């Protein structure tokens, strides 16, 4: 799968924790009863994927809380907004992704797997910030913002006509959340990088990632 949640503004270090769902939202099942090296049933697979997400969630919070105190106050406010926007995107995207098997026994697996994968990606980005770097560095002149936006729109429209009306609503919700996430993250990166091109590079990078997500949907499910 490719390379989301009500929130309350608590003290900054715990803002992300307040945003992220935990295992308490799921039925209590003894993890020791499941062999995640060799899950034999769909229920076992669902449990193991949820546990994988829980591990990713903890790593994300640890990385965020290590990063936050080292930011200037304006950047702290921006990273909170960016993280809140990312959570909304993650939830909407995984709602869309798992709706492929909506109502079926595979849906919890798809949702947890999606949550874990997106969380791992975000943790890697936060770790780059912690190291004083942008996630993927500067881009070459062949990466044009207008071109990647046109490709993204074309793929979005192709996906939209390939899915049911019910899932089209989920796609729209996910895309709106993604745009808010992109804008919030790029506002943070613009100031963090202290380079005029920083926000443009960020927008290109995130739009290219979105293109990859659309391609995965089109190739794997439609």
C-alpha atoms as a PDB file:
ATOM      1  CA  UNK A   1       0.000   0.000   0.000  1.00  0.00           C
ATOM      2  CA  UNK A   2       1.117   3.568  -0.621  1.00  0.00           C
ATOM      3  CA  UNK A   3       4.061   5.344   0.131  1.00  0.00           C
ATOM      4  CA  UNK A   4      -7.515  10.916  10.294  1.00  0.00           C
ATOM      5  CA  UNK A   5     -10.345  12.305  14.333  1.00  0.00           C
ATOM      6  CA  UNK A   6     -11.726  14.747  16.602  1.00  0.00           C
ATOM      7  CA  UNK A   7      -9.138  16.849  18.368  1.00  0.00           C
ATOM      8  CA  UNK A   8      -8.669  19.125  21.344  1.00  0.00           C
ATOM      9  CA  UNK A   9      -5.890  21.664  21.779  1.00  0.00           C
ATOM     10  CA  UNK A  10      -4.207  20.457  24.917  1.00  0.00           C
ATOM     11  CA  UNK A  11      -0.700  21.347  25.992  1.00  0.00           C
ATOM     12  CA  UNK A  12       1.469  21.243  22.824  1.00  0.00           C
ATOM     13  CA  UNK A  13       3.495  18.138  23.638  1.00  0.00           C
ATOM     14  CA  UNK A  14       0.318  16.131  24.027  1.00  0.00           C
ATOM     15  CA  UNK A  15      -1.612  17.604  21.130  1.00  0.00           C
ATOM     16  CA  UNK A  16      -0.784  14.704  18.848  1.00  0.00           C
ATOM     17  CA  UNK A  17      -1.615  12.108  21.475  1.00  0.00           C
ATOM     18  CA  UNK A  18      -5.038  13.692  21.837  1.00  0.00           C
ATOM     19  CA  UNK A  19      -5.530  13.439  18.096  1.00  0.00           C
ATOM     20  CA  UNK A  20      -4.575   9.835  17.590  1.00  0.00           C
ATOM     21  CA  UNK A  21      -6.981   6.944  18.256  1.00  0.00           C
ATOM     22  CA  UNK A  22      -5.670   4.207  20.499  1.00  0.00           C
ATOM     23  CA  UNK A  23      -6.328   0.532  20.971  1.00  0.00           C
ATOM     24  CA  UNK A  24      -9.036   1.371  23.477  1.00  0.00           C
ATOM     25  CA  UNK A  25     -11.300   2.145  20.532  1.00  0.00           C
ATOM     26  CA  UNK A  26     -11.202  -1.479  19.446  1.00  0.00           C
ATOM     27  CA  UNK A  27     -12.493  -4.599  21.138  1.00  0.00           C
ATOM     28  CA  UNK A  28     -10.106  -5.860  23.789  1.00  0.00           C
ATOM     29  CA  UNK A  29      -8.371  -8.974  22.541  1.00  0.00           C
ATOM     30  CA  UNK A  30      -5.398 -10.630  24.191  1.00  0.00           C
ATOM     31  CA  UNK A  31      -2.494 -10.046  21.836  1.00  0.00           C
ATOM     32  CA  UNK A  32      -0.631 -13.019  23.360  1.00  0.00           C
ATOM     33  CA  UNK A  33      -3.289 -15.305  21.895  1.00  0.00           C
ATOM     34  CA  UNK A  34      -2.330 -14.386  18.323  1.00  0.00           C
ATOM     35  CA  UNK A  35       0.825 -15.467  16.527  1.00  0.00           C
ATOM     36  CA  UNK A  36       1.524 -12.522  14.263  1.00  0.00           C
ATOM     37  CA  UNK A  37       4.421 -14.367  12.656  1.00  0.00           C
ATOM     38  CA  UNK A  38       1.894 -16.815  11.270  1.00  0.00           C
ATOM     39  CA  UNK A  39      -1.692 -15.521  11.538  1.00  0.00           C
ATOM     40  CA  UNK A  40      -4.044 -18.249  10.402  1.00  0.00           C
ATOM     41  CA  UNK A  41      -7.414 -16.506  10.285  1.00  0.00           C
ATOM     42  CA  UNK A  42      -8.733 -13.186   9.013  1.00  0.00           C
ATOM     43  CA  UNK A  43      -9.455 -12.166  12.598  1.00  0.00           C
ATOM     44  CA  UNK A  44      -5.855 -12.889  13.544  1.00  0.00           C
ATOM     45  CA  UNK A  45      -4.602 -10.861  10.571  1.00  0.00           C
ATOM     46  CA  UNK A  46      -6.884  -7.993  11.602  1.00  0.00           C
ATOM     47  CA  UNK A  47      -5.497  -8.085  15.137  1.00  0.00           C
ATOM     48  CA  UNK A  48      -1.908  -8.161  13.935  1.00  0.00           C
ATOM     49  CA  UNK A  49      -2.401  -5.236  11.566  1.00  0.00           C
ATOM     50  CA  UNK A  50      -3.993  -3.255  14.378  1.00  0.00           C
ATOM     51  CA  UNK A  51      -1.004  -4.031  16.574  1.00  0.00           C
ATOM     52  CA  UNK A  52       1.339  -2.911  13.800  1.00  0.00           C
ATOM     53  CA  UNK A  53      -0.511   0.378  13.656  1.00  0.00           C
ATOM     54  CA  UNK A  54      -0.308   0.735  17.456  1.00  0.00           C
ATOM     55  CA  UNK A  55       3.481   0.336  17.267  1.00  0.00           C
ATOM     56  CA  UNK A  56       3.678   2.918  14.490  1.00  0.00           C
ATOM     57  CA  UNK A  57       1.458   5.275  16.498  1.00  0.00           C
ATOM     58  CA  UNK A  58       3.778   5.108  19.503  1.00  0.00           C
ATOM     59  CA  UNK A  59       6.817   5.788  17.330  1.00  0.00           C
ATOM     60  CA  UNK A  60       5.104   8.791  15.792  1.00  0.00           C
ATOM     61  CA  UNK A  61       4.296  10.305  19.175  1.00  0.00           C
ATOM     62  CA  UNK A  62       7.825   9.739  20.438  1.00  0.00           C
ATOM     63  CA  UNK A  63       9.308  11.435  17.377  1.00  0.00           C
ATOM     64  CA  UNK A  64       6.882  14.358  17.574  1.00  0.00           C
ATOM     65  CA  UNK A  65       7.576  14.941  21.254  1.00  0.00           C
ATOM     66  CA  UNK A  66      11.323  14.871  20.620  1.00  0.00           C
ATOM     67  CA  UNK A  67      10.982  17.396  17.788  1.00  0.00           C
ATOM     68  CA  UNK A  68       8.556  19.888  19.308  1.00  0.00           C
ATOM     69  CA  UNK A  69      10.718  21.444  22.082  1.00  0.00           C
ATOM     70  CA  UNK A  70      13.507  22.186  19.578  1.00  0.00           C
ATOM     71  CA  UNK A  71      11.303  24.362  17.356  1.00  0.00           C
ATOM     72  CA  UNK A  72      10.869  28.105  17.600  1.00  0.00           C
ATOM     73  CA  UNK A  73       7.467  29.170  18.952  1.00  0.00           C
ATOM     74  CA  UNK A  74       6.004  30.096  15.529  1.00  0.00           C
ATOM     75  CA  UNK A  75       7.132  26.722  14.193  1.00  0.00           C
ATOM     76  CA  UNK A  76       5.587  24.977  17.186  1.00  0.00           C
ATOM     77  CA  UNK A  77       2.210  26.491  16.321  1.00  0.00           C
ATOM     78  CA  UNK A  78       2.673  25.476  12.688  1.00  0.00           C
ATOM     79  CA  UNK A  79       3.664  21.884  13.470  1.00  0.00           C
ATOM     80  CA  UNK A  80       0.561  21.487  15.641  1.00  0.00           C
ATOM     81  CA  UNK A  81      -1.648  22.727  12.782  1.00  0.00           C
ATOM     82  CA  UNK A  82       0.195  20.496  10.317  1.00  0.00           C
ATOM     83  CA  UNK A  83      -0.165  17.448  12.549  1.00  0.00           C
ATOM     84  CA  UNK A  84      -3.864  18.052  13.102  1.00  0.00           C
ATOM     85  CA  UNK A  85      -4.344  18.373   9.334  1.00  0.00           C
ATOM     86  CA  UNK A  86      -2.342  15.190   8.777  1.00  0.00           C
ATOM     87  CA  UNK A  87      -4.543  13.254  11.220  1.00  0.00           C
ATOM     88  CA  UNK A  88      -7.679  14.388   9.401  1.00  0.00           C
ATOM     89  CA  UNK A  89      -6.142  13.325   6.096  1.00  0.00           C
ATOM     90  CA  UNK A  90      -4.988   9.977   7.482  1.00  0.00           C
ATOM     91  CA  UNK A  91      -8.456   9.170   8.798  1.00  0.00           C
ATOM     92  CA  UNK A  92     -10.220  10.209   5.584  1.00  0.00           C
ATOM     93  CA  UNK A  93      -7.724   8.394   3.383  1.00  0.00           C
ATOM     94  CA  UNK A  94      -7.939   5.158   5.334  1.00  0.00           C
ATOM     95  CA  UNK A  95     -11.728   5.383   5.358  1.00  0.00           C
ATOM     96  CA  UNK A  96     -11.554   5.533   1.563  1.00  0.00           C
ATOM     97  CA  UNK A  97      -8.931   2.810   1.280  1.00  0.00           C
ATOM     98  CA  UNK A  98     -10.715   0.339   3.553  1.00  0.00           C
ATOM     99  CA  UNK A  99     -14.083   0.986   1.881  1.00  0.00           C
ATOM    100  CA  UNK A 100     -12.873  -1.349  -0.851  1.00  0.00           C
ATOM    101  CA  UNK A 101     -14.025  -4.133   1.495  1.00  0.00           C
ATOM    102  CA  UNK A 102     -16.711  -2.154   3.309  1.00  0.00           C
ATOM    103  CA  UNK A 103     -18.744  -4.370   5.619  1.00  0.00           C
ATOM    104  CA  UNK A 104     -16.455  -7.349   5.004  1.00  0.00           C
ATOM    105  CA  UNK A 105     -14.040  -9.157   7.290  1.00  0.00           C
ATOM    106  CA  UNK A 106     -11.030  -7.613   5.512  1.00  0.00           C
ATOM    107  CA  UNK A 107     -12.011  -4.011   6.196  1.00  0.00           C
ATOM    108  CA  UNK A 108     -10.328  -3.752   9.642  1.00  0.00           C
ATOM    109  CA  UNK A 109      -7.114  -5.165   8.153  1.00  0.00           C
ATOM    110  CA  UNK A 110      -7.149  -2.661   5.299  1.00  0.00           C
ATOM    111  CA  UNK A 111      -7.864   0.259   7.598  1.00  0.00           C
ATOM    112  CA  UNK A 112      -5.192  -0.632  10.173  1.00  0.00           C
ATOM    113  CA  UNK A 113      -2.646  -1.342   7.466  1.00  0.00           C
ATOM    114  CA  UNK A 114      -3.372   2.003   5.839  1.00  0.00           C
ATOM    115  CA  UNK A 115      -3.100   3.792   9.200  1.00  0.00           C
ATOM    116  CA  UNK A 116       0.223   2.095   9.934  1.00  0.00           C
ATOM    117  CA  UNK A 117       1.704   2.879   6.533  1.00  0.00           C
ATOM    118  CA  UNK A 118       0.719   6.541   6.567  1.00  0.00           C
ATOM    119  CA  UNK A 119       1.907   6.848  10.162  1.00  0.00           C
ATOM    120  CA  UNK A 120       5.296   5.383   9.271  1.00  0.00           C
ATOM    121  CA  UNK A 121       5.601   7.863   6.411  1.00  0.00           C
ATOM    122  CA  UNK A 122       4.764  10.799   8.688  1.00  0.00           C
ATOM    123  CA  UNK A 123       7.195   9.612  11.353  1.00  0.00           C
ATOM    124  CA  UNK A 124       9.959   9.547   8.750  1.00  0.00           C
ATOM    125  CA  UNK A 125       9.142  13.146   7.809  1.00  0.00           C
ATOM    126  CA  UNK A 126       9.215  14.271  11.446  1.00  0.00           C
ATOM    127  CA  UNK A 127      12.538  12.514  11.927  1.00  0.00           C
ATOM    128  CA  UNK A 128      13.976  14.475   9.016  1.00  0.00           C
ATOM    129  CA  UNK A 129      12.807  17.718  10.631  1.00  0.00           C
ATOM    130  CA  UNK A 130      14.419  16.611  13.874  1.00  0.00           C
ATOM    131  CA  UNK A 131      17.679  16.188  11.957  1.00  0.00           C
ATOM    132  CA  UNK A 132      17.345  19.723  10.613  1.00  0.00           C
ATOM    133  CA  UNK A 133      16.456  18.573   7.107  1.00  0.00           C
ATOM    134  CA  UNK A 134      13.523  18.678   4.734  1.00  0.00           C
ATOM    135  CA  UNK A 135      12.055  15.228   4.024  1.00  0.00           C
ATOM    136  CA  UNK A 136      13.495  14.694   0.563  1.00  0.00           C
ATOM    137  CA  UNK A 137      15.769  17.631  -0.139  1.00  0.00           C
ATOM    138  CA  UNK A 138      15.766  20.072  -3.088  1.00  0.00           C
ATOM    139  CA  UNK A 139      14.261  19.179  -6.439  1.00  0.00           C
ATOM    140  CA  UNK A 140      15.594  19.654  -9.942  1.00  0.00           C
ATOM    141  CA  UNK A 141      14.189  21.970 -12.587  1.00  0.00           C
ATOM    142  CA  UNK A 142      12.369  19.071 -14.266  1.00  0.00           C
ATOM    143  CA  UNK A 143       9.881  18.974 -11.398  1.00  0.00           C
ATOM    144  CA  UNK A 144       7.265  21.564 -12.336  1.00  0.00           C
ATOM    145  CA  UNK A 145       4.441  22.297  -9.916  1.00  0.00           C
ATOM    146  CA  UNK A 146       1.934  22.954 -12.688  1.00  0.00           C
ATOM    147  CA  UNK A 147       2.732  19.661 -14.394  1.00  0.00           C
ATOM    148  CA  UNK A 148       2.399  17.528 -11.280  1.00  0.00           C
ATOM    149  CA  UNK A 149      -0.868  19.248 -10.379  1.00  0.00           C
ATOM    150  CA  UNK A 150      -2.279  18.508 -13.830  1.00  0.00           C
ATOM    151  CA  UNK A 151      -1.259  14.850 -13.571  1.00  0.00           C
ATOM    152  CA  UNK A 152      -2.781  14.626 -10.096  1.00  0.00           C
ATOM    153  CA  UNK A 153      -6.079  16.115 -11.281  1.00  0.00           C
ATOM    154  CA  UNK A 154      -6.196  13.773 -14.278  1.00  0.00           C
ATOM    155  CA  UNK A 155      -5.704  10.725 -12.060  1.00  0.00           C
ATOM    156  CA  UNK A 156      -8.225  11.980  -9.503  1.00  0.00           C
ATOM    157  CA  UNK A 157     -10.850  12.321 -12.230  1.00  0.00           C
ATOM    158  CA  UNK A 158     -10.017   8.883 -13.637  1.00  0.00           C
ATOM    159  CA  UNK A 159     -10.405   7.348 -10.197  1.00  0.00           C
ATOM    160  CA  UNK A 160     -13.617   9.235  -9.514  1.00  0.00           C
ATOM    161  CA  UNK A 161     -15.415   7.764 -12.520  1.00  0.00           C
ATOM    162  CA  UNK A 162     -14.149   4.258 -11.668  1.00  0.00           C
ATOM    163  CA  UNK A 163     -15.793   3.927  -8.265  1.00  0.00           C
ATOM    164  CA  UNK A 164     -19.312   3.911  -6.831  1.00  0.00           C
ATOM    165  CA  UNK A 165     -21.103   7.110  -5.891  1.00  0.00           C
ATOM    166  CA  UNK A 166     -20.762   6.193  -2.221  1.00  0.00           C
ATOM    167  CA  UNK A 167     -17.004   5.884  -2.552  1.00  0.00           C
ATOM    168  CA  UNK A 168     -16.834   9.068  -4.606  1.00  0.00           C
ATOM    169  CA  UNK A 169     -17.972  10.920  -1.485  1.00  0.00           C
ATOM    170  CA  UNK A 170     -15.154   9.312   0.471  1.00  0.00           C
ATOM    171  CA  UNK A 171     -12.672  10.209  -2.258  1.00  0.00           C
ATOM    172  CA  UNK A 172     -13.790  13.840  -2.168  1.00  0.00           C
ATOM    173  CA  UNK A 173     -13.479  13.955   1.638  1.00  0.00           C
ATOM    174  CA  UNK A 174     -10.008  12.479   1.421  1.00  0.00           C
ATOM    175  CA  UNK A 175      -8.907  14.911  -1.271  1.00  0.00           C
ATOM    176  CA  UNK A 176     -10.172  17.938   0.654  1.00  0.00           C
ATOM    177  CA  UNK A 177      -8.342  16.722   3.768  1.00  0.00           C
ATOM    178  CA  UNK A 178      -5.199  16.087   1.733  1.00  0.00           C
ATOM    179  CA  UNK A 179      -5.214  19.632   0.339  1.00  0.00           C
ATOM    180  CA  UNK A 180      -5.522  21.065   3.862  1.00  0.00           C
ATOM    181  CA  UNK A 181      -2.701  18.817   5.029  1.00  0.00           C
ATOM    182  CA  UNK A 182      -0.479  19.832   2.118  1.00  0.00           C
ATOM    183  CA  UNK A 183      -1.037  23.517   2.777  1.00  0.00           C
ATOM    184  CA  UNK A 184      -0.350  23.213   6.516  1.00  0.00           C
ATOM    185  CA  UNK A 185       2.771  21.101   6.066  1.00  0.00           C
ATOM    186  CA  UNK A 186       4.168  23.379   3.384  1.00  0.00           C
ATOM    187  CA  UNK A 187       3.576  26.456   5.541  1.00  0.00           C
ATOM    188  CA  UNK A 188       5.668  24.789   8.239  1.00  0.00           C
ATOM    189  CA  UNK A 189       8.384  23.698   5.831  1.00  0.00           C
ATOM    190  CA  UNK A 190       8.605  27.152   4.243  1.00  0.00           C
ATOM    191  CA  UNK A 191       9.617  28.711   7.563  1.00  0.00           C
ATOM    192  CA  UNK A 192      11.555  25.691   8.745  1.00  0.00           C
ATOM    193  CA  UNK A 193      13.775  25.601   5.657  1.00  0.00           C
ATOM    194  CA  UNK A 194      14.238  29.393   5.568  1.00  0.00           C
ATOM    195  CA  UNK A 195      14.391  29.125   1.793  1.00  0.00           C
ATOM    196  CA  UNK A 196      11.948  30.885  -0.596  1.00  0.00           C
ATOM    197  CA  UNK A 197      11.601  27.713  -2.689  1.00  0.00           C
ATOM    198  CA  UNK A 198      10.870  25.531   0.317  1.00  0.00           C
ATOM    199  CA  UNK A 199       7.082  25.675   0.082  1.00  0.00           C
ATOM    200  CA  UNK A 200       7.165  25.037  -3.686  1.00  0.00           C
ATOM    201  CA  UNK A 201       9.394  21.994  -3.263  1.00  0.00           C
ATOM    202  CA  UNK A 202       7.080  20.774  -0.509  1.00  0.00           C
ATOM    203  CA  UNK A 203       3.991  21.163  -2.678  1.00  0.00           C
ATOM    204  CA  UNK A 204       5.626  19.297  -5.558  1.00  0.00           C
ATOM    205  CA  UNK A 205       6.796  16.494  -3.256  1.00  0.00           C
ATOM    206  CA  UNK A 206       3.426  15.988  -1.607  1.00  0.00           C
ATOM    207  CA  UNK A 207       1.563  16.184  -4.924  1.00  0.00           C
ATOM    208  CA  UNK A 208       3.884  13.540  -6.367  1.00  0.00           C
ATOM    209  CA  UNK A 209       3.157  11.360  -3.351  1.00  0.00           C
ATOM    210  CA  UNK A 210      -0.557  11.884  -3.988  1.00  0.00           C
ATOM    211  CA  UNK A 211      -0.072  10.851  -7.603  1.00  0.00           C
ATOM    212  CA  UNK A 212       1.519   7.635  -6.367  1.00  0.00           C
ATOM    213  CA  UNK A 213      -1.483   6.972  -4.133  1.00  0.00           C
ATOM    214  CA  UNK A 214      -3.905   7.484  -7.024  1.00  0.00           C
ATOM    215  CA  UNK A 215      -1.840   5.165  -9.247  1.00  0.00           C
ATOM    216  CA  UNK A 216      -1.946   2.484  -6.541  1.00  0.00           C
ATOM    217  CA  UNK A 217      -5.727   2.763  -6.347  1.00  0.00           C
ATOM    218  CA  UNK A 218      -6.162   2.597 -10.095  1.00  0.00           C
ATOM    219  CA  UNK A 219      -3.778  -0.320 -10.584  1.00  0.00           C
ATOM    220  CA  UNK A 220      -4.690  -2.464  -7.593  1.00  0.00           C
ATOM    221  CA  UNK A 221      -8.422  -2.018  -7.185  1.00  0.00           C
ATOM    222  CA  UNK A 222     -10.004  -0.618 -10.266  1.00  0.00           C
END
